[in-house]
Amino acid sequence: MRLTALSVLTAIGALSGFVSAAQADVKVLVKTQTYDVAGATGEALIRSMDRNGPRHSFMARAIAQTSYTKDWDFDFAKSKGACRIAKANGTLNLSFTYPRVTSVLPAPLDRRWARFFEGVRKHEETHGEIARQMMTATEKALTGLTVPNDPQCSQTRREARRRIDAVFDEYEAKQNAFDAREHREGGHVEYLVDALAKS
C-alpha cells in the first residue's frame, strides 16, 4: 500500500533518523517504522493488523505502507538572457511502515509469518523502487532544460514544475497499476494473507 507523494521546488537538509544513499544527483533518505501486532494464530495476527495498521483511508487500515515526498533544487546557468538548469538536485524521502510481532509464535506460525512478512516487504520495496525510478527520470527531464529570454529564470522554474508533475503522473500510474495487480482477487496480497491465516 502506498501514500501519494508531495512535491516542492526547494532544497532540504537531511532529516534526523533517516539513512541516506546517493543515486546520481538524487539523494534518497529512508525511514522504517513499525507498529505492534500480537496473536497466537494467523487469523489473530491478521485481526491485530486490521486494528493497528497504518490508515490508508478514513475507515480502512493497511498491512504495511510506503509514503514518500520529493523535493528539487536547481543550479542555474545564465547566458545571453537565457536560463539553463545546469544541475537538478533531488531528495526522495521514503518512509516504510511494517507490522512487528510482539507475541511468541508457535514454530509453524513463526515460519508462516516469516514468509508473509517477506512478501509484504517485497511489495513495499517495489513501491520504493518505482519512486526511485521516478526521481531518476525527473532528474533526466530537468538537467539541461534551457529557456531563452528568461533572465530571471521564472519561466524555467515554471517549465521545471511542469516536467516534475508530468513525470510524477507517469510514475503514479505505474504505482497504481502495480497495486491493482497485487491487490486483485486471487492476487499476491490475497495469497499472502490466506497462507498466513491457514491453520
N, C-alpha and C. Protein backbone atom coordinates (compact mmCIF):
# COMPACT_ATOMS: atom_id res chain seq x y z
N MET A 1 0.85 -1.17 0.00
CA MET A 1 0.00 0.00 0.00
C MET A 1 0.89 1.23 0.00
N ARG A 2 0.46 2.27 -0.65
CA ARG A 2 1.30 3.45 -0.83
C ARG A 2 0.49 4.71 -0.64
N LEU A 3 1.10 5.71 -0.05
CA LEU A 3 0.51 7.03 0.03
C LEU A 3 1.05 7.90 -1.09
N THR A 4 0.25 8.80 -1.58
CA THR A 4 0.70 9.68 -2.64
C THR A 4 1.78 10.63 -2.14
N ALA A 5 2.55 11.14 -3.04
CA ALA A 5 3.70 11.97 -2.67
C ALA A 5 3.38 13.44 -2.71
N LEU A 6 4.17 14.22 -2.01
CA LEU A 6 4.11 15.67 -2.05
C LEU A 6 5.35 16.17 -2.76
N SER A 7 5.27 17.37 -3.33
CA SER A 7 6.43 17.89 -4.06
C SER A 7 6.59 19.37 -3.80
N VAL A 8 7.84 19.79 -3.62
CA VAL A 8 8.15 21.21 -3.56
C VAL A 8 9.43 21.46 -4.33
N LEU A 9 9.65 22.72 -4.71
CA LEU A 9 10.83 23.06 -5.51
C LEU A 9 11.88 23.77 -4.66
N THR A 10 12.19 23.21 -3.50
CA THR A 10 13.21 23.80 -2.65
C THR A 10 14.14 22.71 -2.17
N ALA A 11 15.32 23.10 -1.73
CA ALA A 11 16.26 22.14 -1.18
C ALA A 11 15.94 21.93 0.29
N ILE A 12 16.19 20.70 0.80
CA ILE A 12 16.02 20.44 2.22
C ILE A 12 17.25 19.74 2.75
N GLY A 13 17.47 19.84 4.04
CA GLY A 13 18.59 19.16 4.66
C GLY A 13 18.20 17.75 5.06
N ALA A 14 19.18 16.98 5.53
CA ALA A 14 18.93 15.61 5.98
C ALA A 14 18.05 15.65 7.22
N LEU A 15 17.13 14.71 7.32
CA LEU A 15 16.25 14.62 8.47
C LEU A 15 16.83 13.63 9.47
N SER A 16 16.71 13.94 10.74
CA SER A 16 17.26 13.04 11.75
C SER A 16 16.53 11.71 11.72
N GLY A 17 17.26 10.64 11.93
CA GLY A 17 16.67 9.31 11.93
C GLY A 17 16.60 8.68 10.56
N PHE A 18 17.04 9.37 9.54
CA PHE A 18 16.99 8.86 8.18
C PHE A 18 18.37 8.37 7.77
N VAL A 19 18.39 7.37 6.93
CA VAL A 19 19.64 6.87 6.36
C VAL A 19 19.67 7.29 4.90
N SER A 20 20.77 7.84 4.44
CA SER A 20 20.83 8.35 3.08
C SER A 20 21.64 7.44 2.18
N ALA A 21 21.29 7.46 0.90
CA ALA A 21 22.03 6.72 -0.12
C ALA A 21 22.05 7.57 -1.38
N ALA A 22 23.21 7.71 -1.99
CA ALA A 22 23.34 8.55 -3.18
C ALA A 22 22.84 7.80 -4.41
N GLN A 23 22.21 8.54 -5.32
CA GLN A 23 21.75 7.97 -6.59
C GLN A 23 21.86 9.07 -7.63
N ALA A 24 22.94 9.06 -8.41
CA ALA A 24 23.23 10.12 -9.38
C ALA A 24 23.16 11.45 -8.65
N ASP A 25 22.32 12.39 -9.10
CA ASP A 25 22.16 13.66 -8.41
C ASP A 25 20.92 13.64 -7.51
N VAL A 26 20.47 12.45 -7.16
CA VAL A 26 19.31 12.29 -6.30
C VAL A 26 19.75 11.66 -4.99
N LYS A 27 19.34 12.29 -3.90
CA LYS A 27 19.61 11.73 -2.57
C LYS A 27 18.35 11.02 -2.10
N VAL A 28 18.50 9.80 -1.59
CA VAL A 28 17.38 9.02 -1.09
C VAL A 28 17.53 8.87 0.41
N LEU A 29 16.53 9.34 1.15
CA LEU A 29 16.52 9.21 2.61
C LEU A 29 15.42 8.22 2.97
N VAL A 30 15.79 7.17 3.70
CA VAL A 30 14.85 6.09 4.01
C VAL A 30 14.62 6.01 5.52
N LYS A 31 13.36 5.95 5.90
CA LYS A 31 12.98 5.77 7.29
C LYS A 31 12.07 4.55 7.37
N THR A 32 12.34 3.65 8.31
CA THR A 32 11.49 2.48 8.51
C THR A 32 10.93 2.52 9.93
N GLN A 33 9.63 2.35 10.04
CA GLN A 33 8.99 2.30 11.36
C GLN A 33 8.08 1.09 11.42
N THR A 34 7.70 0.72 12.64
CA THR A 34 6.87 -0.46 12.83
C THR A 34 5.69 -0.15 13.73
N TYR A 35 4.70 -1.02 13.69
CA TYR A 35 3.61 -1.00 14.65
C TYR A 35 3.46 -2.41 15.19
N ASP A 36 2.98 -2.55 16.43
CA ASP A 36 2.94 -3.84 17.10
C ASP A 36 1.69 -4.63 16.76
N VAL A 37 1.88 -5.94 16.56
CA VAL A 37 0.77 -6.87 16.41
C VAL A 37 1.06 -8.08 17.29
N ALA A 38 0.00 -8.76 17.69
CA ALA A 38 0.15 -9.94 18.55
C ALA A 38 -0.96 -10.93 18.25
N GLY A 39 -0.69 -12.20 18.53
CA GLY A 39 -1.69 -13.24 18.34
C GLY A 39 -1.03 -14.60 18.33
N ALA A 40 -1.82 -15.63 18.60
CA ALA A 40 -1.30 -16.99 18.64
C ALA A 40 -1.70 -17.78 17.40
N THR A 41 -2.48 -17.17 16.51
CA THR A 41 -2.88 -17.82 15.26
C THR A 41 -2.70 -16.82 14.12
N GLY A 42 -2.69 -17.32 12.89
CA GLY A 42 -2.61 -16.43 11.75
C GLY A 42 -3.78 -15.47 11.69
N GLU A 43 -4.99 -15.99 11.96
CA GLU A 43 -6.17 -15.13 11.93
C GLU A 43 -6.09 -14.05 12.99
N ALA A 44 -5.55 -14.39 14.16
CA ALA A 44 -5.40 -13.38 15.22
C ALA A 44 -4.41 -12.29 14.81
N LEU A 45 -3.34 -12.67 14.14
CA LEU A 45 -2.37 -11.68 13.66
C LEU A 45 -3.00 -10.77 12.62
N ILE A 46 -3.81 -11.35 11.73
CA ILE A 46 -4.49 -10.54 10.71
C ILE A 46 -5.46 -9.56 11.37
N ARG A 47 -6.20 -10.01 12.38
CA ARG A 47 -7.12 -9.10 13.10
C ARG A 47 -6.33 -7.98 13.78
N SER A 48 -5.18 -8.33 14.35
CA SER A 48 -4.35 -7.32 15.01
C SER A 48 -3.84 -6.29 14.00
N MET A 49 -3.45 -6.73 12.81
CA MET A 49 -3.04 -5.79 11.77
C MET A 49 -4.20 -4.91 11.34
N ASP A 50 -5.40 -5.50 11.26
CA ASP A 50 -6.59 -4.71 10.89
C ASP A 50 -6.88 -3.63 11.93
N ARG A 51 -6.59 -3.92 13.19
CA ARG A 51 -6.84 -2.94 14.26
C ARG A 51 -5.74 -1.88 14.35
N ASN A 52 -4.49 -2.28 14.14
CA ASN A 52 -3.36 -1.42 14.48
C ASN A 52 -2.57 -0.88 13.29
N GLY A 53 -2.84 -1.38 12.09
CA GLY A 53 -2.06 -0.98 10.92
C GLY A 53 -2.23 0.49 10.55
N PRO A 54 -1.37 1.00 9.69
CA PRO A 54 -1.46 2.41 9.28
C PRO A 54 -2.73 2.67 8.49
N ARG A 55 -3.32 3.83 8.71
CA ARG A 55 -4.54 4.19 7.98
C ARG A 55 -4.20 4.50 6.53
N HIS A 56 -5.06 4.01 5.61
CA HIS A 56 -4.91 4.41 4.21
C HIS A 56 -6.19 5.00 3.65
N SER A 57 -7.18 5.15 4.51
CA SER A 57 -8.39 5.92 4.20
C SER A 57 -9.06 6.20 5.54
N PHE A 58 -10.22 6.83 5.50
CA PHE A 58 -10.87 7.23 6.75
C PHE A 58 -11.19 6.03 7.63
N MET A 59 -11.65 4.94 7.01
CA MET A 59 -12.11 3.78 7.78
C MET A 59 -11.16 2.59 7.72
N ALA A 60 -10.34 2.50 6.69
CA ALA A 60 -9.57 1.28 6.46
C ALA A 60 -8.12 1.42 6.95
N ARG A 61 -7.53 0.27 7.22
CA ARG A 61 -6.13 0.22 7.61
C ARG A 61 -5.39 -0.72 6.66
N ALA A 62 -4.10 -0.49 6.52
CA ALA A 62 -3.27 -1.29 5.64
C ALA A 62 -2.40 -2.23 6.47
N ILE A 63 -1.91 -3.28 5.83
CA ILE A 63 -0.95 -4.19 6.47
C ILE A 63 0.38 -3.46 6.63
N ALA A 64 0.80 -2.79 5.59
CA ALA A 64 2.06 -2.02 5.57
C ALA A 64 1.85 -0.83 4.67
N GLN A 65 2.83 0.07 4.67
CA GLN A 65 2.63 1.31 3.91
C GLN A 65 3.96 1.89 3.46
N THR A 66 3.95 2.45 2.26
CA THR A 66 5.08 3.22 1.75
C THR A 66 4.58 4.62 1.45
N SER A 67 5.24 5.62 1.99
CA SER A 67 4.91 7.00 1.66
C SER A 67 6.20 7.70 1.25
N TYR A 68 6.07 8.77 0.50
CA TYR A 68 7.27 9.48 0.08
C TYR A 68 6.95 10.92 -0.27
N THR A 69 7.97 11.75 -0.17
CA THR A 69 7.91 13.11 -0.66
C THR A 69 9.12 13.32 -1.56
N LYS A 70 9.01 14.28 -2.47
CA LYS A 70 10.10 14.58 -3.39
C LYS A 70 10.35 16.07 -3.39
N ASP A 71 11.60 16.44 -3.35
CA ASP A 71 11.99 17.85 -3.30
C ASP A 71 13.09 18.09 -4.33
N TRP A 72 13.04 19.25 -5.00
CA TRP A 72 14.02 19.57 -6.03
C TRP A 72 14.60 20.96 -5.81
N ASP A 73 15.89 21.07 -6.05
CA ASP A 73 16.60 22.34 -6.02
C ASP A 73 17.45 22.38 -7.28
N PHE A 74 17.65 23.58 -7.85
CA PHE A 74 18.35 23.68 -9.12
C PHE A 74 19.58 24.58 -9.03
N ASP A 75 20.59 24.21 -9.80
CA ASP A 75 21.71 25.10 -10.07
C ASP A 75 21.48 25.68 -11.46
N PHE A 76 21.33 27.02 -11.54
CA PHE A 76 21.04 27.68 -12.81
C PHE A 76 22.31 28.25 -13.43
N ALA A 77 22.34 28.26 -14.75
CA ALA A 77 23.40 28.94 -15.50
C ALA A 77 22.71 29.92 -16.44
N LYS A 78 23.17 31.18 -16.44
CA LYS A 78 22.55 32.21 -17.28
C LYS A 78 23.56 32.68 -18.33
N SER A 79 23.07 32.84 -19.55
CA SER A 79 23.95 33.29 -20.62
C SER A 79 23.12 33.98 -21.69
N LYS A 80 23.46 35.23 -22.01
CA LYS A 80 22.80 35.98 -23.09
C LYS A 80 21.29 36.00 -22.93
N GLY A 81 20.83 36.17 -21.69
CA GLY A 81 19.40 36.26 -21.41
C GLY A 81 18.70 34.93 -21.24
N ALA A 82 19.37 33.84 -21.59
CA ALA A 82 18.76 32.51 -21.44
C ALA A 82 19.06 31.94 -20.05
N CYS A 83 18.18 31.08 -19.59
CA CYS A 83 18.37 30.40 -18.31
C CYS A 83 18.40 28.90 -18.55
N ARG A 84 19.40 28.26 -17.98
CA ARG A 84 19.55 26.80 -18.14
C ARG A 84 19.72 26.15 -16.77
N ILE A 85 19.08 24.98 -16.59
CA ILE A 85 19.30 24.20 -15.38
C ILE A 85 20.58 23.39 -15.59
N ALA A 86 21.63 23.79 -14.90
CA ALA A 86 22.90 23.09 -15.03
C ALA A 86 22.88 21.78 -14.26
N LYS A 87 22.16 21.77 -13.16
CA LYS A 87 22.08 20.55 -12.34
C LYS A 87 20.78 20.56 -11.56
N ALA A 88 20.11 19.41 -11.54
CA ALA A 88 18.89 19.24 -10.75
C ALA A 88 19.23 18.35 -9.56
N ASN A 89 19.04 18.89 -8.36
CA ASN A 89 19.36 18.16 -7.14
C ASN A 89 18.06 17.71 -6.49
N GLY A 90 17.85 16.41 -6.44
CA GLY A 90 16.61 15.88 -5.91
C GLY A 90 16.81 15.16 -4.59
N THR A 91 15.79 15.23 -3.73
CA THR A 91 15.77 14.45 -2.49
C THR A 91 14.47 13.67 -2.45
N LEU A 92 14.59 12.36 -2.30
CA LEU A 92 13.43 11.49 -2.13
C LEU A 92 13.41 11.03 -0.68
N ASN A 93 12.34 11.35 0.02
CA ASN A 93 12.15 10.91 1.40
C ASN A 93 11.19 9.73 1.39
N LEU A 94 11.71 8.55 1.61
CA LEU A 94 10.92 7.32 1.60
C LEU A 94 10.65 6.87 3.03
N SER A 95 9.42 6.52 3.33
CA SER A 95 9.07 6.02 4.65
C SER A 95 8.29 4.72 4.51
N PHE A 96 8.78 3.68 5.18
CA PHE A 96 8.11 2.37 5.18
C PHE A 96 7.55 2.10 6.58
N THR A 97 6.35 1.55 6.63
CA THR A 97 5.74 1.12 7.90
C THR A 97 5.38 -0.35 7.79
N TYR A 98 5.86 -1.14 8.75
CA TYR A 98 5.65 -2.60 8.74
C TYR A 98 5.10 -3.08 10.08
N PRO A 99 4.40 -4.22 10.06
CA PRO A 99 3.98 -4.83 11.33
C PRO A 99 5.16 -5.51 12.02
N ARG A 100 5.13 -5.50 13.35
CA ARG A 100 6.16 -6.18 14.15
C ARG A 100 5.46 -7.04 15.19
N VAL A 101 5.72 -8.34 15.16
CA VAL A 101 5.08 -9.27 16.09
C VAL A 101 5.72 -9.14 17.46
N THR A 102 4.87 -8.95 18.48
CA THR A 102 5.37 -8.83 19.86
C THR A 102 5.10 -10.08 20.68
N SER A 103 4.30 -11.00 20.17
CA SER A 103 4.00 -12.23 20.91
C SER A 103 4.92 -13.35 20.44
N VAL A 104 5.10 -14.35 21.30
CA VAL A 104 5.88 -15.53 20.94
C VAL A 104 4.98 -16.42 20.08
N LEU A 105 5.47 -16.79 18.89
CA LEU A 105 4.66 -17.57 17.96
C LEU A 105 5.06 -19.04 18.00
N PRO A 106 4.08 -19.93 17.88
CA PRO A 106 4.43 -21.35 17.70
C PRO A 106 5.28 -21.50 16.44
N ALA A 107 6.15 -22.50 16.42
CA ALA A 107 7.11 -22.65 15.31
C ALA A 107 6.46 -22.65 13.94
N PRO A 108 5.36 -23.43 13.72
CA PRO A 108 4.76 -23.42 12.38
C PRO A 108 4.25 -22.02 11.98
N LEU A 109 3.64 -21.31 12.94
CA LEU A 109 3.13 -19.97 12.66
C LEU A 109 4.29 -18.99 12.45
N ASP A 110 5.36 -19.17 13.20
CA ASP A 110 6.53 -18.31 13.03
C ASP A 110 7.09 -18.43 11.61
N ARG A 111 7.11 -19.64 11.08
CA ARG A 111 7.59 -19.83 9.70
C ARG A 111 6.63 -19.19 8.70
N ARG A 112 5.33 -19.33 8.93
CA ARG A 112 4.35 -18.70 8.03
C ARG A 112 4.46 -17.17 8.11
N TRP A 113 4.66 -16.65 9.32
CA TRP A 113 4.82 -15.21 9.47
C TRP A 113 6.04 -14.71 8.70
N ALA A 114 7.14 -15.46 8.79
CA ALA A 114 8.37 -15.05 8.09
C ALA A 114 8.13 -14.97 6.58
N ARG A 115 7.42 -15.95 6.02
CA ARG A 115 7.11 -15.93 4.58
C ARG A 115 6.17 -14.77 4.25
N PHE A 116 5.16 -14.57 5.11
CA PHE A 116 4.21 -13.48 4.92
C PHE A 116 4.94 -12.13 4.94
N PHE A 117 5.78 -11.93 5.95
CA PHE A 117 6.46 -10.65 6.09
C PHE A 117 7.41 -10.39 4.92
N GLU A 118 8.08 -11.42 4.44
CA GLU A 118 8.98 -11.25 3.30
C GLU A 118 8.20 -10.80 2.07
N GLY A 119 7.02 -11.38 1.86
CA GLY A 119 6.18 -10.96 0.74
C GLY A 119 5.70 -9.52 0.88
N VAL A 120 5.32 -9.14 2.10
CA VAL A 120 4.89 -7.77 2.35
C VAL A 120 6.05 -6.80 2.12
N ARG A 121 7.23 -7.16 2.62
CA ARG A 121 8.41 -6.30 2.45
C ARG A 121 8.73 -6.10 0.97
N LYS A 122 8.68 -7.17 0.19
CA LYS A 122 8.96 -7.05 -1.24
C LYS A 122 7.94 -6.15 -1.93
N HIS A 123 6.69 -6.26 -1.53
CA HIS A 123 5.65 -5.41 -2.11
C HIS A 123 5.96 -3.94 -1.86
N GLU A 124 6.26 -3.60 -0.60
CA GLU A 124 6.53 -2.20 -0.26
C GLU A 124 7.82 -1.71 -0.91
N GLU A 125 8.83 -2.56 -0.98
CA GLU A 125 10.09 -2.15 -1.60
C GLU A 125 9.93 -1.92 -3.10
N THR A 126 8.97 -2.61 -3.71
CA THR A 126 8.69 -2.34 -5.13
C THR A 126 8.13 -0.93 -5.29
N HIS A 127 7.24 -0.51 -4.36
CA HIS A 127 6.76 0.87 -4.39
C HIS A 127 7.94 1.84 -4.25
N GLY A 128 8.86 1.51 -3.35
CA GLY A 128 10.03 2.36 -3.17
C GLY A 128 10.89 2.42 -4.41
N GLU A 129 11.04 1.31 -5.09
CA GLU A 129 11.86 1.28 -6.31
C GLU A 129 11.21 2.09 -7.43
N ILE A 130 9.88 2.02 -7.54
CA ILE A 130 9.19 2.84 -8.54
C ILE A 130 9.40 4.32 -8.23
N ALA A 131 9.36 4.69 -6.96
CA ALA A 131 9.61 6.08 -6.59
C ALA A 131 11.04 6.50 -6.94
N ARG A 132 12.01 5.61 -6.72
CA ARG A 132 13.40 5.91 -7.10
C ARG A 132 13.52 6.11 -8.62
N GLN A 133 12.86 5.25 -9.38
CA GLN A 133 12.88 5.39 -10.84
C GLN A 133 12.28 6.72 -11.27
N MET A 134 11.23 7.13 -10.57
CA MET A 134 10.60 8.43 -10.86
C MET A 134 11.60 9.57 -10.67
N MET A 135 12.37 9.50 -9.59
CA MET A 135 13.35 10.57 -9.33
C MET A 135 14.42 10.60 -10.41
N THR A 136 14.90 9.43 -10.83
CA THR A 136 15.92 9.38 -11.88
C THR A 136 15.37 9.95 -13.18
N ALA A 137 14.13 9.57 -13.53
CA ALA A 137 13.52 10.08 -14.76
C ALA A 137 13.31 11.60 -14.69
N THR A 138 12.95 12.10 -13.50
CA THR A 138 12.76 13.54 -13.34
C THR A 138 14.08 14.28 -13.50
N GLU A 139 15.13 13.75 -12.88
CA GLU A 139 16.46 14.39 -13.00
C GLU A 139 16.88 14.49 -14.45
N LYS A 140 16.65 13.44 -15.23
CA LYS A 140 16.99 13.46 -16.66
C LYS A 140 16.14 14.48 -17.42
N ALA A 141 14.88 14.62 -17.02
CA ALA A 141 13.98 15.56 -17.71
C ALA A 141 14.33 17.01 -17.39
N LEU A 142 15.00 17.25 -16.27
CA LEU A 142 15.28 18.62 -15.84
C LEU A 142 16.66 19.13 -16.25
N THR A 143 17.66 18.27 -16.15
CA THR A 143 19.03 18.72 -16.40
C THR A 143 19.19 19.15 -17.86
N GLY A 144 19.72 20.34 -18.03
CA GLY A 144 19.92 20.88 -19.38
C GLY A 144 18.74 21.67 -19.90
N LEU A 145 17.63 21.69 -19.17
CA LEU A 145 16.48 22.49 -19.59
C LEU A 145 16.92 23.94 -19.79
N THR A 146 16.66 24.50 -20.97
CA THR A 146 17.06 25.87 -21.29
C THR A 146 15.87 26.64 -21.85
N VAL A 147 15.67 27.84 -21.32
CA VAL A 147 14.60 28.71 -21.80
C VAL A 147 15.23 30.03 -22.22
N PRO A 148 15.07 30.42 -23.50
CA PRO A 148 15.63 31.71 -23.96
C PRO A 148 14.84 32.88 -23.40
N ASN A 149 15.45 34.05 -23.39
CA ASN A 149 14.80 35.28 -22.94
C ASN A 149 14.16 35.11 -21.56
N ASP A 150 14.91 34.54 -20.64
CA ASP A 150 14.41 34.31 -19.28
C ASP A 150 15.50 34.68 -18.27
N PRO A 151 15.87 35.96 -18.21
CA PRO A 151 16.99 36.36 -17.36
C PRO A 151 16.76 36.12 -15.87
N GLN A 152 15.51 36.10 -15.42
CA GLN A 152 15.21 35.86 -14.00
C GLN A 152 14.92 34.38 -13.71
N CYS A 153 14.92 33.56 -14.74
CA CYS A 153 14.69 32.11 -14.63
C CYS A 153 13.28 31.75 -14.15
N SER A 154 12.34 32.68 -14.23
CA SER A 154 10.98 32.38 -13.78
C SER A 154 10.28 31.41 -14.72
N GLN A 155 10.46 31.59 -16.03
CA GLN A 155 9.85 30.66 -16.98
C GLN A 155 10.50 29.27 -16.87
N THR A 156 11.78 29.26 -16.60
CA THR A 156 12.48 27.98 -16.45
C THR A 156 11.94 27.22 -15.24
N ARG A 157 11.69 27.94 -14.15
CA ARG A 157 11.13 27.30 -12.96
C ARG A 157 9.74 26.73 -13.25
N ARG A 158 8.92 27.51 -13.99
CA ARG A 158 7.58 27.01 -14.33
C ARG A 158 7.65 25.77 -15.19
N GLU A 159 8.55 25.77 -16.18
CA GLU A 159 8.70 24.60 -17.03
C GLU A 159 9.24 23.41 -16.23
N ALA A 160 10.13 23.68 -15.29
CA ALA A 160 10.64 22.60 -14.44
C ALA A 160 9.50 21.98 -13.64
N ARG A 161 8.64 22.82 -13.06
CA ARG A 161 7.50 22.29 -12.29
C ARG A 161 6.59 21.45 -13.20
N ARG A 162 6.35 21.93 -14.42
CA ARG A 162 5.51 21.18 -15.35
C ARG A 162 6.11 19.81 -15.63
N ARG A 163 7.42 19.75 -15.84
CA ARG A 163 8.08 18.47 -16.11
C ARG A 163 8.05 17.56 -14.89
N ILE A 164 8.28 18.14 -13.72
CA ILE A 164 8.20 17.34 -12.49
C ILE A 164 6.82 16.71 -12.36
N ASP A 165 5.78 17.51 -12.58
CA ASP A 165 4.41 17.00 -12.46
C ASP A 165 4.12 15.92 -13.50
N ALA A 166 4.62 16.11 -14.72
CA ALA A 166 4.36 15.14 -15.79
C ALA A 166 5.01 13.79 -15.47
N VAL A 167 6.25 13.83 -15.00
CA VAL A 167 6.92 12.57 -14.64
C VAL A 167 6.22 11.94 -13.45
N PHE A 168 5.84 12.74 -12.47
CA PHE A 168 5.13 12.21 -11.31
C PHE A 168 3.85 11.49 -11.73
N ASP A 169 3.07 12.11 -12.61
CA ASP A 169 1.82 11.48 -13.07
C ASP A 169 2.10 10.15 -13.76
N GLU A 170 3.17 10.12 -14.56
CA GLU A 170 3.53 8.87 -15.26
C GLU A 170 3.85 7.76 -14.26
N TYR A 171 4.60 8.09 -13.23
CA TYR A 171 5.02 7.06 -12.28
C TYR A 171 3.94 6.75 -11.25
N GLU A 172 3.05 7.69 -10.99
CA GLU A 172 1.88 7.36 -10.16
C GLU A 172 1.01 6.32 -10.86
N ALA A 173 0.89 6.43 -12.17
CA ALA A 173 0.15 5.43 -12.93
C ALA A 173 0.80 4.06 -12.78
N LYS A 174 2.14 4.02 -12.77
CA LYS A 174 2.84 2.75 -12.57
C LYS A 174 2.61 2.21 -11.16
N GLN A 175 2.62 3.11 -10.17
CA GLN A 175 2.34 2.69 -8.78
C GLN A 175 0.94 2.09 -8.68
N ASN A 176 -0.03 2.77 -9.28
CA ASN A 176 -1.41 2.30 -9.21
C ASN A 176 -1.60 0.99 -9.96
N ALA A 177 -0.92 0.83 -11.10
CA ALA A 177 -1.03 -0.42 -11.85
C ALA A 177 -0.43 -1.58 -11.06
N PHE A 178 0.68 -1.33 -10.38
CA PHE A 178 1.29 -2.36 -9.55
C PHE A 178 0.35 -2.77 -8.42
N ASP A 179 -0.25 -1.79 -7.74
CA ASP A 179 -1.20 -2.12 -6.67
C ASP A 179 -2.40 -2.88 -7.20
N ALA A 180 -2.89 -2.49 -8.36
CA ALA A 180 -4.05 -3.17 -8.93
C ALA A 180 -3.74 -4.65 -9.19
N ARG A 181 -2.54 -4.93 -9.70
CA ARG A 181 -2.15 -6.33 -9.92
C ARG A 181 -2.02 -7.09 -8.61
N GLU A 182 -1.37 -6.47 -7.64
CA GLU A 182 -1.09 -7.15 -6.37
C GLU A 182 -2.35 -7.38 -5.53
N HIS A 183 -3.29 -6.43 -5.59
CA HIS A 183 -4.48 -6.48 -4.73
C HIS A 183 -5.71 -7.06 -5.41
N ARG A 184 -5.58 -7.48 -6.65
CA ARG A 184 -6.76 -8.03 -7.32
C ARG A 184 -7.19 -9.33 -6.64
N GLU A 185 -8.41 -9.74 -6.89
CA GLU A 185 -8.90 -11.00 -6.33
C GLU A 185 -8.03 -12.14 -6.85
N GLY A 186 -7.53 -12.95 -5.96
CA GLY A 186 -6.64 -14.03 -6.33
C GLY A 186 -5.21 -13.59 -6.55
N GLY A 187 -4.91 -12.33 -6.22
CA GLY A 187 -3.58 -11.79 -6.44
C GLY A 187 -2.61 -12.11 -5.32
N HIS A 188 -1.44 -11.51 -5.39
CA HIS A 188 -0.35 -11.83 -4.48
C HIS A 188 -0.68 -11.50 -3.02
N VAL A 189 -1.33 -10.37 -2.78
CA VAL A 189 -1.65 -9.99 -1.40
C VAL A 189 -2.65 -10.96 -0.80
N GLU A 190 -3.66 -11.33 -1.56
CA GLU A 190 -4.64 -12.32 -1.07
C GLU A 190 -3.95 -13.65 -0.78
N TYR A 191 -3.02 -14.04 -1.62
CA TYR A 191 -2.26 -15.28 -1.40
C TYR A 191 -1.49 -15.21 -0.08
N LEU A 192 -0.82 -14.08 0.17
CA LEU A 192 -0.04 -13.94 1.40
C LEU A 192 -0.93 -14.03 2.64
N VAL A 193 -2.07 -13.34 2.60
CA VAL A 193 -2.98 -13.33 3.76
C VAL A 193 -3.56 -14.72 3.98
N ASP A 194 -3.98 -15.38 2.91
CA ASP A 194 -4.55 -16.72 3.03
C ASP A 194 -3.53 -17.72 3.57
N ALA A 195 -2.28 -17.61 3.12
CA ALA A 195 -1.24 -18.52 3.60
C ALA A 195 -0.95 -18.29 5.07
N LEU A 196 -1.01 -17.05 5.53
CA LEU A 196 -0.80 -16.77 6.96
C LEU A 196 -1.96 -17.28 7.80
N ALA A 197 -3.18 -17.15 7.28
CA ALA A 197 -4.37 -17.49 8.06
C ALA A 197 -4.60 -18.99 8.18
N LYS A 198 -4.03 -19.78 7.29
CA LYS A 198 -4.34 -21.22 7.30
C LYS A 198 -3.92 -21.84 8.63
N SER A 199 -4.71 -22.81 9.07
CA SER A 199 -4.44 -23.44 10.37
C SER A 199 -3.56 -24.67 10.19
